[in-house]
């Protein structure tokens, strides 16, 4: 994959939260009514769930998806938090190595993703 000229996609900030929620489609409706969110996109998944959703609230983007225990998103009660923080950096390989060297546990190997991020 060719390296992006700007590793941060347009509209995103350096750090973006990615939540695992129960009822992602209804969560979009709630965020729209409660906070004036604008739906940017959604990717349907198996069983009517959403694999990915993106909304904009003010000048910030929020990503989330339905909970998929079969893909490793168990609830907090099992010791896992239903949130992913997406950190955009100029050199993903160097940042990944630095994090592992600092003691982070790899739960998903660094790789090129179908949506264009690494």
C-alpha atoms as a PDB file:
ATOM      1  CA  UNK A   1       0.000   0.000   0.000  1.00  0.00           C
ATOM      2  CA  UNK A   2       1.366   3.422  -0.905  1.00  0.00           C
ATOM      3  CA  UNK A   3       2.013   5.725   2.031  1.00  0.00           C
ATOM      4  CA  UNK A   4      -0.602   8.473   2.364  1.00  0.00           C
ATOM      5  CA  UNK A   5       0.596  12.046   1.949  1.00  0.00           C
ATOM      6  CA  UNK A   6      -1.284  12.920   5.129  1.00  0.00           C
ATOM      7  CA  UNK A   7      -1.765   9.993   7.503  1.00  0.00           C
ATOM      8  CA  UNK A   8      -4.782  11.687   9.121  1.00  0.00           C
ATOM      9  CA  UNK A   9      -7.893  11.413   6.946  1.00  0.00           C
ATOM     10  CA  UNK A  10      -9.739  14.661   6.188  1.00  0.00           C
ATOM     11  CA  UNK A  11     -12.056  15.665   9.035  1.00  0.00           C
ATOM     12  CA  UNK A  12     -10.387  13.479  11.644  1.00  0.00           C
ATOM     13  CA  UNK A  13      -8.255  14.571  14.562  1.00  0.00           C
ATOM     14  CA  UNK A  14      -5.185  12.761  15.864  1.00  0.00           C
ATOM     15  CA  UNK A  15      -7.175  10.617  18.318  1.00  0.00           C
ATOM     16  CA  UNK A  16     -10.619   9.212  17.519  1.00  0.00           C
ATOM     17  CA  UNK A  17     -12.793   6.983  19.709  1.00  0.00           C
ATOM     18  CA  UNK A  18     -14.350   3.848  18.230  1.00  0.00           C
ATOM     19  CA  UNK A  19     -17.055   2.401  20.486  1.00  0.00           C
ATOM     20  CA  UNK A  20     -18.664  -1.019  20.584  1.00  0.00           C
ATOM     21  CA  UNK A  21     -22.346  -0.457  21.361  1.00  0.00           C
ATOM     22  CA  UNK A  22     -25.458  -2.578  21.665  1.00  0.00           C
ATOM     23  CA  UNK A  23     -27.790  -1.302  18.931  1.00  0.00           C
ATOM     24  CA  UNK A  24     -25.583   0.858  16.712  1.00  0.00           C
ATOM     25  CA  UNK A  25     -28.388   1.899  14.329  1.00  0.00           C
ATOM     26  CA  UNK A  26     -30.505   3.139  17.250  1.00  0.00           C
ATOM     27  CA  UNK A  27     -27.412   4.870  18.653  1.00  0.00           C
ATOM     28  CA  UNK A  28     -27.159   6.883  15.431  1.00  0.00           C
ATOM     29  CA  UNK A  29     -30.776   7.985  15.911  1.00  0.00           C
ATOM     30  CA  UNK A  30     -30.079   8.915  19.545  1.00  0.00           C
ATOM     31  CA  UNK A  31     -26.936  10.914  18.706  1.00  0.00           C
ATOM     32  CA  UNK A  32     -28.812  12.723  15.941  1.00  0.00           C
ATOM     33  CA  UNK A  33     -31.686  13.709  18.226  1.00  0.00           C
ATOM     34  CA  UNK A  34     -29.621  14.429  21.340  1.00  0.00           C
ATOM     35  CA  UNK A  35     -26.556  16.129  19.902  1.00  0.00           C
ATOM     36  CA  UNK A  36     -27.384  17.073  16.324  1.00  0.00           C
ATOM     37  CA  UNK A  37     -25.056  14.398  14.945  1.00  0.00           C
ATOM     38  CA  UNK A  38     -24.824  13.958  11.209  1.00  0.00           C
ATOM     39  CA  UNK A  39     -24.437  10.427   9.869  1.00  0.00           C
ATOM     40  CA  UNK A  40     -21.364  10.194   7.635  1.00  0.00           C
ATOM     41  CA  UNK A  41     -21.557   6.501   6.755  1.00  0.00           C
ATOM     42  CA  UNK A  42     -22.486   3.032   7.930  1.00  0.00           C
ATOM     43  CA  UNK A  43     -21.407  -0.462   6.905  1.00  0.00           C
ATOM     44  CA  UNK A  44     -23.968  -3.214   7.465  1.00  0.00           C
ATOM     45  CA  UNK A  45     -22.806  -6.490   8.932  1.00  0.00           C
ATOM     46  CA  UNK A  46     -24.238  -9.930   9.599  1.00  0.00           C
ATOM     47  CA  UNK A  47     -27.609 -10.316  11.282  1.00  0.00           C
ATOM     48  CA  UNK A  48     -28.697  -6.727  10.699  1.00  0.00           C
ATOM     49  CA  UNK A  49     -25.908  -5.343  12.887  1.00  0.00           C
ATOM     50  CA  UNK A  50     -23.585  -2.531  11.829  1.00  0.00           C
ATOM     51  CA  UNK A  51     -19.909  -3.385  11.314  1.00  0.00           C
ATOM     52  CA  UNK A  52     -19.016   0.300  11.278  1.00  0.00           C
ATOM     53  CA  UNK A  53     -20.730   3.637  11.652  1.00  0.00           C
ATOM     54  CA  UNK A  54     -19.367   7.162  11.541  1.00  0.00           C
ATOM     55  CA  UNK A  55     -21.120  10.313  12.742  1.00  0.00           C
ATOM     56  CA  UNK A  56     -20.018  13.906  13.044  1.00  0.00           C
ATOM     57  CA  UNK A  57     -20.866  15.934  16.127  1.00  0.00           C
ATOM     58  CA  UNK A  58     -19.683  19.520  15.868  1.00  0.00           C
ATOM     59  CA  UNK A  59     -16.155  19.355  14.470  1.00  0.00           C
ATOM     60  CA  UNK A  60     -15.462  15.807  15.700  1.00  0.00           C
ATOM     61  CA  UNK A  61     -16.048  12.353  14.300  1.00  0.00           C
ATOM     62  CA  UNK A  62     -17.162   9.348  16.343  1.00  0.00           C
ATOM     63  CA  UNK A  63     -16.854   5.785  15.106  1.00  0.00           C
ATOM     64  CA  UNK A  64     -18.766   2.831  16.496  1.00  0.00           C
ATOM     65  CA  UNK A  65     -20.115  -0.599  15.662  1.00  0.00           C
ATOM     66  CA  UNK A  66     -22.428  -3.158  17.138  1.00  0.00           C
ATOM     67  CA  UNK A  67     -20.972  -5.619  19.626  1.00  0.00           C
ATOM     68  CA  UNK A  68     -19.735  -8.780  17.912  1.00  0.00           C
ATOM     69  CA  UNK A  69     -18.650 -11.239  20.646  1.00  0.00           C
ATOM     70  CA  UNK A  70     -17.760 -13.750  17.925  1.00  0.00           C
ATOM     71  CA  UNK A  71     -15.118 -11.299  16.650  1.00  0.00           C
ATOM     72  CA  UNK A  72     -13.619 -10.424  20.026  1.00  0.00           C
ATOM     73  CA  UNK A  73     -15.717  -7.569  21.404  1.00  0.00           C
ATOM     74  CA  UNK A  74     -16.851  -9.040  24.748  1.00  0.00           C
ATOM     75  CA  UNK A  75     -18.484  -6.865  27.426  1.00  0.00           C
ATOM     76  CA  UNK A  76     -16.747  -4.975  30.215  1.00  0.00           C
ATOM     77  CA  UNK A  77     -17.853  -7.659  32.682  1.00  0.00           C
ATOM     78  CA  UNK A  78     -15.350 -10.001  31.041  1.00  0.00           C
ATOM     79  CA  UNK A  79     -12.534  -7.499  31.547  1.00  0.00           C
ATOM     80  CA  UNK A  80     -12.627  -5.849  28.132  1.00  0.00           C
ATOM     81  CA  UNK A  81     -13.631  -2.257  27.446  1.00  0.00           C
ATOM     82  CA  UNK A  82     -15.915  -1.772  24.421  1.00  0.00           C
ATOM     83  CA  UNK A  83     -13.826   1.030  22.939  1.00  0.00           C
ATOM     84  CA  UNK A  84     -11.036   1.339  20.435  1.00  0.00           C
ATOM     85  CA  UNK A  85      -8.980   4.504  20.172  1.00  0.00           C
ATOM     86  CA  UNK A  86      -7.762   5.199  16.648  1.00  0.00           C
ATOM     87  CA  UNK A  87      -4.466   7.045  16.737  1.00  0.00           C
ATOM     88  CA  UNK A  88      -3.391   8.624  13.453  1.00  0.00           C
ATOM     89  CA  UNK A  89       0.386   9.001  13.190  1.00  0.00           C
ATOM     90  CA  UNK A  90       2.803   9.797  10.350  1.00  0.00           C
ATOM     91  CA  UNK A  91       4.543   6.374  10.598  1.00  0.00           C
ATOM     92  CA  UNK A  92       2.286   3.542  11.812  1.00  0.00           C
ATOM     93  CA  UNK A  93       5.078   0.952  11.734  1.00  0.00           C
ATOM     94  CA  UNK A  94       7.382   3.018  13.937  1.00  0.00           C
ATOM     95  CA  UNK A  95       4.550   3.885  16.369  1.00  0.00           C
ATOM     96  CA  UNK A  96       3.482   0.223  16.579  1.00  0.00           C
ATOM     97  CA  UNK A  97       7.049  -0.915  17.301  1.00  0.00           C
ATOM     98  CA  UNK A  98       7.458   1.800  19.939  1.00  0.00           C
ATOM     99  CA  UNK A  99       4.214   0.690  21.655  1.00  0.00           C
ATOM    100  CA  UNK A 100       5.193  -3.005  21.629  1.00  0.00           C
ATOM    101  CA  UNK A 101       8.686  -2.171  22.881  1.00  0.00           C
ATOM    102  CA  UNK A 102       7.036  -0.207  25.713  1.00  0.00           C
ATOM    103  CA  UNK A 103       5.109  -3.303  26.795  1.00  0.00           C
ATOM    104  CA  UNK A 104       1.826  -3.183  24.885  1.00  0.00           C
ATOM    105  CA  UNK A 105       0.171  -6.515  24.121  1.00  0.00           C
ATOM    106  CA  UNK A 106      -0.676  -7.040  20.459  1.00  0.00           C
ATOM    107  CA  UNK A 107      -4.302  -8.087  20.056  1.00  0.00           C
ATOM    108  CA  UNK A 108      -4.456  -7.358  16.321  1.00  0.00           C
ATOM    109  CA  UNK A 109      -1.295  -7.314  14.190  1.00  0.00           C
ATOM    110  CA  UNK A 110      -0.543  -4.131  12.281  1.00  0.00           C
ATOM    111  CA  UNK A 111      -1.685  -4.480   8.677  1.00  0.00           C
ATOM    112  CA  UNK A 112      -3.186  -2.573   5.788  1.00  0.00           C
ATOM    113  CA  UNK A 113      -6.952  -2.346   6.252  1.00  0.00           C
ATOM    114  CA  UNK A 114      -9.602  -2.514   3.519  1.00  0.00           C
ATOM    115  CA  UNK A 115     -10.720   1.044   4.342  1.00  0.00           C
ATOM    116  CA  UNK A 116      -7.265   2.451   3.615  1.00  0.00           C
ATOM    117  CA  UNK A 117      -5.658   2.841   7.047  1.00  0.00           C
ATOM    118  CA  UNK A 118      -2.618   0.952   8.293  1.00  0.00           C
END
